[in-house]
Amino acid sequence: MRTLAYGLLAGTAFATNAAAEDITLRIGSGHPPGVVYAGLMIDFFQSEMTKRVEERTDHTLTFVEGYSGSIVTTSETLEGVQDGILDIGGFCFCFEPSNLPLHAFQVMLPFGTMDPETSLQVAQDVYAEVPYLTDVFPEEFNQILLARISDGGYNLGTNFAWTDLADLAGQKIAGAEDRRGRHQPELAGKRRDRAGVVVAGHVLYGIDHWRLQRLDHVPIGLGEPQAV
């Protein structure tokens, strides 16, 4: 369906003296290293940052790792960096629908690309056009957005054959909730199991309450579905 948007954040409070010393930073995520972005934090970001610090300064760098939710969960990373529990944290913007309601646009909007490089370039362009998406971190959460990372996309996998969306009617389908009830006031306070939005021609459907249902409207102001 689409690739997901993740952010790598750093707190603004840590600093060091000019004298050579070993700098210790706490880094982590609610996800394990097997998840693409968390693995990149270890394999690329940490190793590259360590190398550059040692090449360009008299300091050395040591990371205290807190992945797999050992320090913060996926929904605690933003506040964990803000409160100094972590110095650097990574998480999916989709886990902060209240604090960062605009940042998970690539998760929420239909018609997204499955190519991670294209998805990341789209995000870079949108962030360049909307400074708020970057500025909100130091202004409201005492941290800096270091990088945006694209991850694998969400797909619909089944153990039965199907060629048309009509074949999915009545089938049980599980998935992550979109966590955006405030865009649909009539659902406020009610149990919701919408897993995503899929497209059949020009008709939009939602996976709602374990069954594929045609949406009466499209979330987040995308306009009304068109009849085929």
C-alpha atoms as a PDB file:
ATOM      1  CA  MET A   1       0.000   0.000   0.000  1.00  0.00           C
ATOM      2  CA  ARG A   2       2.573   2.589   1.081  1.00  0.00           C
ATOM      3  CA  THR A   3       5.857   3.073   2.892  1.00  0.00           C
ATOM      4  CA  LEU A   4       5.992   4.492   6.394  1.00  0.00           C
ATOM      5  CA  ALA A   5       7.668   7.621   7.722  1.00  0.00           C
ATOM      6  CA  TYR A   6      10.013   7.460  10.702  1.00  0.00           C
ATOM      7  CA  GLY A   7      11.983  10.174  12.469  1.00  0.00           C
ATOM      8  CA  LEU A   8      15.342  10.222  14.230  1.00  0.00           C
ATOM      9  CA  LEU A   9      15.389  12.793  17.027  1.00  0.00           C
ATOM     10  CA  ALA A  10      18.064  14.229  19.314  1.00  0.00           C
ATOM     11  CA  GLY A  11      17.576  16.122  22.560  1.00  0.00           C
ATOM     12  CA  THR A  12      18.990  19.637  22.776  1.00  0.00           C
ATOM     13  CA  ALA A  13      20.380  19.417  26.303  1.00  0.00           C
ATOM     14  CA  PHE A  14      23.563  17.358  25.940  1.00  0.00           C
ATOM     15  CA  ALA A  15      26.902  19.112  25.372  1.00  0.00           C
ATOM     16  CA  THR A  16      30.598  18.529  25.997  1.00  0.00           C
ATOM     17  CA  ASN A  17      33.691  20.451  26.988  1.00  0.00           C
ATOM     18  CA  ALA A  18      36.548  21.281  24.631  1.00  0.00           C
ATOM     19  CA  ALA A  19      38.881  18.863  26.441  1.00  0.00           C
ATOM     20  CA  ALA A  20      39.064  15.362  25.011  1.00  0.00           C
ATOM     21  CA  GLU A  21      36.652  12.973  26.674  1.00  0.00           C
ATOM     22  CA  ASP A  22      34.462   9.972  26.024  1.00  0.00           C
ATOM     23  CA  ILE A  23      30.891  11.069  25.301  1.00  0.00           C
ATOM     24  CA  THR A  24      28.147   8.646  26.309  1.00  0.00           C
ATOM     25  CA  LEU A  25      24.769   8.922  24.569  1.00  0.00           C
ATOM     26  CA  ARG A  26      21.617   6.927  25.250  1.00  0.00           C
ATOM     27  CA  ILE A  27      19.946   5.876  21.991  1.00  0.00           C
ATOM     28  CA  GLY A  28      16.925   3.699  21.461  1.00  0.00           C
ATOM     29  CA  SER A  29      13.510   2.898  20.067  1.00  0.00           C
ATOM     30  CA  GLY A  30      10.421   0.936  20.925  1.00  0.00           C
ATOM     31  CA  HIS A  31      11.097  -1.339  17.962  1.00  0.00           C
ATOM     32  CA  PRO A  32      13.765  -4.071  17.756  1.00  0.00           C
ATOM     33  CA  PRO A  33      16.756  -3.808  15.394  1.00  0.00           C
ATOM     34  CA  GLY A  34      15.022  -6.196  13.013  1.00  0.00           C
ATOM     35  CA  VAL A  35      12.705  -3.358  12.009  1.00  0.00           C
ATOM     36  CA  VAL A  36      14.383  -1.508   9.139  1.00  0.00           C
ATOM     37  CA  TYR A  37      14.689   1.963  10.649  1.00  0.00           C
ATOM     38  CA  ALA A  38      15.942   0.672  14.007  1.00  0.00           C
ATOM     39  CA  GLY A  39      18.507  -1.477  12.226  1.00  0.00           C
ATOM     40  CA  LEU A  40      19.685   1.571  10.262  1.00  0.00           C
ATOM     41  CA  MET A  41      20.082   3.500  13.508  1.00  0.00           C
ATOM     42  CA  ILE A  42      22.578   0.871  14.676  1.00  0.00           C
ATOM     43  CA  ASP A  43      24.268  -0.138  11.437  1.00  0.00           C
ATOM     44  CA  PHE A  44      24.527   3.266   9.799  1.00  0.00           C
ATOM     45  CA  PHE A  45      23.797   6.181  12.129  1.00  0.00           C
ATOM     46  CA  GLN A  46      25.688   4.971  15.202  1.00  0.00           C
ATOM     47  CA  SER A  47      28.703   3.702  13.276  1.00  0.00           C
ATOM     48  CA  GLU A  48      28.869   6.804  11.068  1.00  0.00           C
ATOM     49  CA  MET A  49      28.494   9.191  13.994  1.00  0.00           C
ATOM     50  CA  THR A  50      31.170   7.364  15.991  1.00  0.00           C
ATOM     51  CA  LYS A  51      33.561   7.459  13.036  1.00  0.00           C
ATOM     52  CA  ARG A  52      33.027  11.167  12.339  1.00  0.00           C
ATOM     53  CA  VAL A  53      33.394  12.208  15.975  1.00  0.00           C
ATOM     54  CA  GLU A  54      36.697  10.345  16.241  1.00  0.00           C
ATOM     55  CA  GLU A  55      37.933  11.686  12.875  1.00  0.00           C
ATOM     56  CA  ARG A  56      36.984  15.322  13.429  1.00  0.00           C
ATOM     57  CA  THR A  57      37.415  15.821  17.190  1.00  0.00           C
ATOM     58  CA  ASP A  58      39.535  14.644  20.085  1.00  0.00           C
ATOM     59  CA  HIS A  59      36.529  12.897  21.607  1.00  0.00           C
ATOM     60  CA  THR A  60      35.360   9.305  21.535  1.00  0.00           C
ATOM     61  CA  LEU A  61      31.752   8.199  21.498  1.00  0.00           C
ATOM     62  CA  THR A  62      29.966   5.427  23.377  1.00  0.00           C
ATOM     63  CA  PHE A  63      26.312   4.513  22.853  1.00  0.00           C
ATOM     64  CA  VAL A  64      24.080   2.986  25.505  1.00  0.00           C
ATOM     65  CA  GLU A  65      21.506   1.140  23.421  1.00  0.00           C
ATOM     66  CA  GLY A  66      17.874   0.868  24.415  1.00  0.00           C
ATOM     67  CA  TYR A  67      16.111  -0.847  21.521  1.00  0.00           C
ATOM     68  CA  SER A  68      13.132  -3.233  21.591  1.00  0.00           C
ATOM     69  CA  GLY A  69      11.319  -1.028  24.111  1.00  0.00           C
ATOM     70  CA  SER A  70      13.924  -1.614  26.843  1.00  0.00           C
ATOM     71  CA  ILE A  71      13.929   2.110  27.742  1.00  0.00           C
ATOM     72  CA  VAL A  72      10.889   3.587  25.975  1.00  0.00           C
ATOM     73  CA  THR A  73       8.018   2.128  23.978  1.00  0.00           C
ATOM     74  CA  THR A  74       7.035   3.217  20.472  1.00  0.00           C
ATOM     75  CA  SER A  75       4.582   5.781  21.866  1.00  0.00           C
ATOM     76  CA  GLU A  76       7.002   7.070  24.529  1.00  0.00           C
ATOM     77  CA  THR A  77      10.013   7.955  22.376  1.00  0.00           C
ATOM     78  CA  LEU A  78       9.094  11.584  21.664  1.00  0.00           C
ATOM     79  CA  GLU A  79       8.565  12.333  25.360  1.00  0.00           C
ATOM     80  CA  GLY A  80      11.559  10.185  26.297  1.00  0.00           C
ATOM     81  CA  VAL A  81      13.885  12.423  24.288  1.00  0.00           C
ATOM     82  CA  GLN A  82      12.092  15.535  25.521  1.00  0.00           C
ATOM     83  CA  ASP A  83      12.535  14.496  29.165  1.00  0.00           C
ATOM     84  CA  GLY A  84      16.163  13.384  28.749  1.00  0.00           C
ATOM     85  CA  ILE A  85      15.500   9.684  29.244  1.00  0.00           C
ATOM     86  CA  LEU A  86      17.050   9.212  25.791  1.00  0.00           C
ATOM     87  CA  ASP A  87      19.521  11.480  24.044  1.00  0.00           C
ATOM     88  CA  ILE A  88      18.566  10.130  20.613  1.00  0.00           C
ATOM     89  CA  GLY A  89      15.410   8.255  19.699  1.00  0.00           C
ATOM     90  CA  GLY A  90      13.735   6.845  16.609  1.00  0.00           C
ATOM     91  CA  PHE A  91      10.049   6.109  16.089  1.00  0.00           C
ATOM     92  CA  CYS A  92       7.178   6.102  13.597  1.00  0.00           C
ATOM     93  CA  PHE A  93       5.232   9.350  13.525  1.00  0.00           C
ATOM     94  CA  CYS A  94       2.059   7.262  13.444  1.00  0.00           C
ATOM     95  CA  PHE A  95       2.502   6.606  17.175  1.00  0.00           C
ATOM     96  CA  GLU A  96       2.073  10.315  18.001  1.00  0.00           C
ATOM     97  CA  PRO A  97      -1.326  11.214  16.498  1.00  0.00           C
ATOM     98  CA  SER A  98      -1.981  13.891  19.142  1.00  0.00           C
ATOM     99  CA  ASN A  99       1.430  15.546  19.361  1.00  0.00           C
ATOM    100  CA  LEU A 100       2.331  15.195  15.657  1.00  0.00           C
ATOM    101  CA  PRO A 101      -0.989  14.953  13.806  1.00  0.00           C
ATOM    102  CA  LEU A 102       0.434  16.068  10.428  1.00  0.00           C
ATOM    103  CA  HIS A 103       3.660  14.080  10.304  1.00  0.00           C
ATOM    104  CA  ALA A 104       2.233  10.674   9.402  1.00  0.00           C
ATOM    105  CA  PHE A 105       0.684  11.909   6.166  1.00  0.00           C
ATOM    106  CA  GLN A 106       2.357   9.139   4.168  1.00  0.00           C
ATOM    107  CA  VAL A 107       0.716   6.520   6.349  1.00  0.00           C
ATOM    108  CA  MET A 108      -2.718   8.113   6.248  1.00  0.00           C
ATOM    109  CA  LEU A 109      -3.167   9.213   2.640  1.00  0.00           C
ATOM    110  CA  PRO A 110      -4.097   6.688  -0.065  1.00  0.00           C
ATOM    111  CA  PHE A 111      -2.277   6.374  -3.389  1.00  0.00           C
ATOM    112  CA  GLY A 112       1.148   6.270  -1.722  1.00  0.00           C
ATOM    113  CA  THR A 113       4.210   4.743  -3.349  1.00  0.00           C
ATOM    114  CA  MET A 114       5.728   1.457  -2.212  1.00  0.00           C
ATOM    115  CA  ASP A 115       9.205   2.569  -3.278  1.00  0.00           C
ATOM    116  CA  PRO A 116      11.149   3.717  -0.162  1.00  0.00           C
ATOM    117  CA  GLU A 117      13.442   6.082  -2.063  1.00  0.00           C
ATOM    118  CA  THR A 118      10.516   7.801  -3.780  1.00  0.00           C
ATOM    119  CA  SER A 119       8.611   7.953  -0.507  1.00  0.00           C
ATOM    120  CA  LEU A 120      11.546   9.581   1.256  1.00  0.00           C
ATOM    121  CA  GLN A 121      12.014  12.121  -1.541  1.00  0.00           C
ATOM    122  CA  VAL A 122       8.320  13.020  -1.327  1.00  0.00           C
ATOM    123  CA  ALA A 123       8.737  13.552   2.407  1.00  0.00           C
ATOM    124  CA  GLN A 124      11.831  15.719   1.892  1.00  0.00           C
ATOM    125  CA  ASP A 125       9.924  17.900  -0.579  1.00  0.00           C
ATOM    126  CA  VAL A 126       6.930  18.279   1.736  1.00  0.00           C
ATOM    127  CA  TYR A 127       9.138  19.178   4.699  1.00  0.00           C
ATOM    128  CA  ALA A 128      10.894  21.801   2.571  1.00  0.00           C
ATOM    129  CA  GLU A 129       7.523  23.339   1.694  1.00  0.00           C
ATOM    130  CA  VAL A 130       6.146  23.171   5.258  1.00  0.00           C
ATOM    131  CA  PRO A 131       8.772  24.377   7.786  1.00  0.00           C
ATOM    132  CA  TYR A 132       6.409  23.649  10.692  1.00  0.00           C
ATOM    133  CA  LEU A 133       7.053  19.918  10.271  1.00  0.00           C
ATOM    134  CA  THR A 134      10.689  20.481  11.266  1.00  0.00           C
ATOM    135  CA  ASP A 135      10.345  23.529  13.517  1.00  0.00           C
ATOM    136  CA  VAL A 136       7.785  21.958  15.850  1.00  0.00           C
ATOM    137  CA  PHE A 137      10.410  19.688  17.420  1.00  0.00           C
ATOM    138  CA  PRO A 138      12.666  22.371  18.984  1.00  0.00           C
ATOM    139  CA  GLU A 139       9.782  24.783  19.550  1.00  0.00           C
ATOM    140  CA  GLU A 140       7.467  22.394  21.383  1.00  0.00           C
ATOM    141  CA  PHE A 141       9.429  19.258  22.302  1.00  0.00           C
ATOM    142  CA  ASN A 142      12.978  20.425  23.134  1.00  0.00           C
ATOM    143  CA  GLN A 143      14.630  18.279  20.470  1.00  0.00           C
ATOM    144  CA  ILE A 144      15.883  18.341  16.888  1.00  0.00           C
ATOM    145  CA  LEU A 145      14.777  16.213  13.954  1.00  0.00           C
ATOM    146  CA  LEU A 146      18.006  14.671  12.700  1.00  0.00           C
ATOM    147  CA  ALA A 147      16.727  12.536   9.847  1.00  0.00           C
ATOM    148  CA  ARG A 148      13.719  11.001   8.145  1.00  0.00           C
ATOM    149  CA  ILE A 149      13.824   7.286   7.404  1.00  0.00           C
ATOM    150  CA  SER A 150      11.523   5.280   5.139  1.00  0.00           C
ATOM    151  CA  ASP A 151      10.653   1.710   6.023  1.00  0.00           C
ATOM    152  CA  GLY A 152       8.914  -1.178   4.361  1.00  0.00           C
ATOM    153  CA  GLY A 153       5.361  -0.694   3.156  1.00  0.00           C
ATOM    154  CA  TYR A 154       2.158  -2.264   4.399  1.00  0.00           C
ATOM    155  CA  ASN A 155       0.722  -4.944   2.138  1.00  0.00           C
ATOM    156  CA  LEU A 156      -2.342  -7.137   2.326  1.00  0.00           C
ATOM    157  CA  GLY A 157      -1.346 -10.787   2.649  1.00  0.00           C
ATOM    158  CA  THR A 158      -3.871 -13.629   2.495  1.00  0.00           C
ATOM    159  CA  ASN A 159      -3.915 -17.421   2.642  1.00  0.00           C
ATOM    160  CA  PHE A 160      -6.538 -17.594  -0.100  1.00  0.00           C
ATOM    161  CA  ALA A 161      -6.544 -16.507  -3.734  1.00  0.00           C
ATOM    162  CA  TRP A 162      -8.294 -13.311  -4.808  1.00  0.00           C
ATOM    163  CA  THR A 163      -8.251 -11.124  -7.900  1.00  0.00           C
ATOM    164  CA  ASP A 164     -10.771  -8.380  -7.049  1.00  0.00           C
ATOM    165  CA  LEU A 165     -11.700  -6.459  -3.921  1.00  0.00           C
ATOM    166  CA  ALA A 166     -15.137  -8.034  -4.055  1.00  0.00           C
ATOM    167  CA  ASP A 167     -13.427 -11.361  -3.248  1.00  0.00           C
ATOM    168  CA  LEU A 168     -12.421  -9.933   0.146  1.00  0.00           C
ATOM    169  CA  ALA A 169     -15.955  -9.185   1.298  1.00  0.00           C
ATOM    170  CA  GLY A 170     -16.773 -11.134   4.448  1.00  0.00           C
ATOM    171  CA  GLN A 171     -13.186 -12.196   5.084  1.00  0.00           C
ATOM    172  CA  LYS A 172     -11.533 -11.453   8.430  1.00  0.00           C
ATOM    173  CA  ILE A 173      -8.675  -8.975   7.959  1.00  0.00           C
ATOM    174  CA  ALA A 174      -6.419  -7.824  10.788  1.00  0.00           C
ATOM    175  CA  GLY A 175      -4.194  -4.773  10.755  1.00  0.00           C
ATOM    176  CA  ALA A 176      -2.982  -1.713  12.606  1.00  0.00           C
ATOM    177  CA  GLU A 177      -5.597   0.866  13.576  1.00  0.00           C
ATOM    178  CA  ASP A 178      -5.222   4.300  12.003  1.00  0.00           C
ATOM    179  CA  ARG A 179      -5.598   6.055  15.397  1.00  0.00           C
ATOM    180  CA  ARG A 180      -7.273   9.086  13.813  1.00  0.00           C
ATOM    181  CA  GLY A 181     -10.766   9.052  15.272  1.00  0.00           C
ATOM    182  CA  ARG A 182     -10.881  12.827  15.627  1.00  0.00           C
ATOM    183  CA  HIS A 183     -11.125  13.152  11.824  1.00  0.00           C
ATOM    184  CA  GLN A 184     -14.332  11.134  11.993  1.00  0.00           C
ATOM    185  CA  PRO A 185     -16.407  12.651  14.846  1.00  0.00           C
ATOM    186  CA  GLU A 186     -19.220  10.120  14.441  1.00  0.00           C
ATOM    187  CA  LEU A 187     -16.737   7.401  15.543  1.00  0.00           C
ATOM    188  CA  ALA A 188     -15.526   9.239  18.655  1.00  0.00           C
ATOM    189  CA  GLY A 189     -15.657   6.982  21.698  1.00  0.00           C
ATOM    190  CA  LYS A 190     -16.604   3.934  19.658  1.00  0.00           C
ATOM    191  CA  ARG A 191     -14.522   0.819  19.055  1.00  0.00           C
ATOM    192  CA  ARG A 192     -12.695   1.108  15.765  1.00  0.00           C
ATOM    193  CA  ASP A 193     -10.756  -1.514  13.857  1.00  0.00           C
ATOM    194  CA  ARG A 194     -10.065   0.266  10.587  1.00  0.00           C
ATOM    195  CA  ALA A 195      -6.807  -1.108   9.227  1.00  0.00           C
ATOM    196  CA  GLY A 196      -6.306   1.005   6.147  1.00  0.00           C
ATOM    197  CA  VAL A 197      -7.665   2.298   2.879  1.00  0.00           C
ATOM    198  CA  VAL A 198      -7.580   0.334  -0.334  1.00  0.00           C
ATOM    199  CA  VAL A 199      -8.609   1.368  -3.813  1.00  0.00           C
ATOM    200  CA  ALA A 200     -10.863  -0.365  -6.348  1.00  0.00           C
ATOM    201  CA  GLY A 201     -11.240   1.736  -9.455  1.00  0.00           C
ATOM    202  CA  HIS A 202     -12.362   5.065  -8.035  1.00  0.00           C
ATOM    203  CA  VAL A 203     -14.189   3.651  -5.018  1.00  0.00           C
ATOM    204  CA  LEU A 204     -12.476   3.796  -1.628  1.00  0.00           C
ATOM    205  CA  TYR A 205     -12.924   1.036   0.912  1.00  0.00           C
ATOM    206  CA  GLY A 206     -11.897   0.727   4.555  1.00  0.00           C
ATOM    207  CA  ILE A 207     -11.077  -2.421   6.465  1.00  0.00           C
ATOM    208  CA  ASP A 208     -13.446  -1.728   9.339  1.00  0.00           C
ATOM    209  CA  HIS A 209     -14.509  -4.073  12.150  1.00  0.00           C
ATOM    210  CA  TRP A 210     -12.794  -7.028  10.466  1.00  0.00           C
ATOM    211  CA  ARG A 211     -14.794  -6.699   7.238  1.00  0.00           C
ATOM    212  CA  LEU A 212     -14.153  -4.785   4.045  1.00  0.00           C
ATOM    213  CA  GLN A 213     -16.668  -1.952   3.833  1.00  0.00           C
ATOM    214  CA  ARG A 214     -17.172   0.872   1.380  1.00  0.00           C
ATOM    215  CA  LEU A 215     -16.389   4.207   3.056  1.00  0.00           C
ATOM    216  CA  ASP A 216     -19.140   6.780   3.174  1.00  0.00           C
ATOM    217  CA  HIS A 217     -16.426   9.439   3.246  1.00  0.00           C
ATOM    218  CA  VAL A 218     -12.659   9.656   3.103  1.00  0.00           C
ATOM    219  CA  PRO A 219     -10.689  10.555   6.288  1.00  0.00           C
ATOM    220  CA  ILE A 220      -8.594  13.711   6.583  1.00  0.00           C
ATOM    221  CA  GLY A 221     -10.509  15.818   4.096  1.00  0.00           C
ATOM    222  CA  LEU A 222      -9.513  14.027   0.898  1.00  0.00           C
ATOM    223  CA  GLY A 223     -12.949  14.522  -0.614  1.00  0.00           C
ATOM    224  CA  GLU A 224     -15.840  12.223  -1.355  1.00  0.00           C
ATOM    225  CA  PRO A 225     -15.414   8.829  -3.068  1.00  0.00           C
ATOM    226  CA  GLN A 226     -16.416   8.761  -6.712  1.00  0.00           C
ATOM    227  CA  ALA A 227     -18.735   6.125  -8.119  1.00  0.00           C
ATOM    228  CA  VAL A 228     -17.335   3.758 -10.719  1.00  0.00           C
END
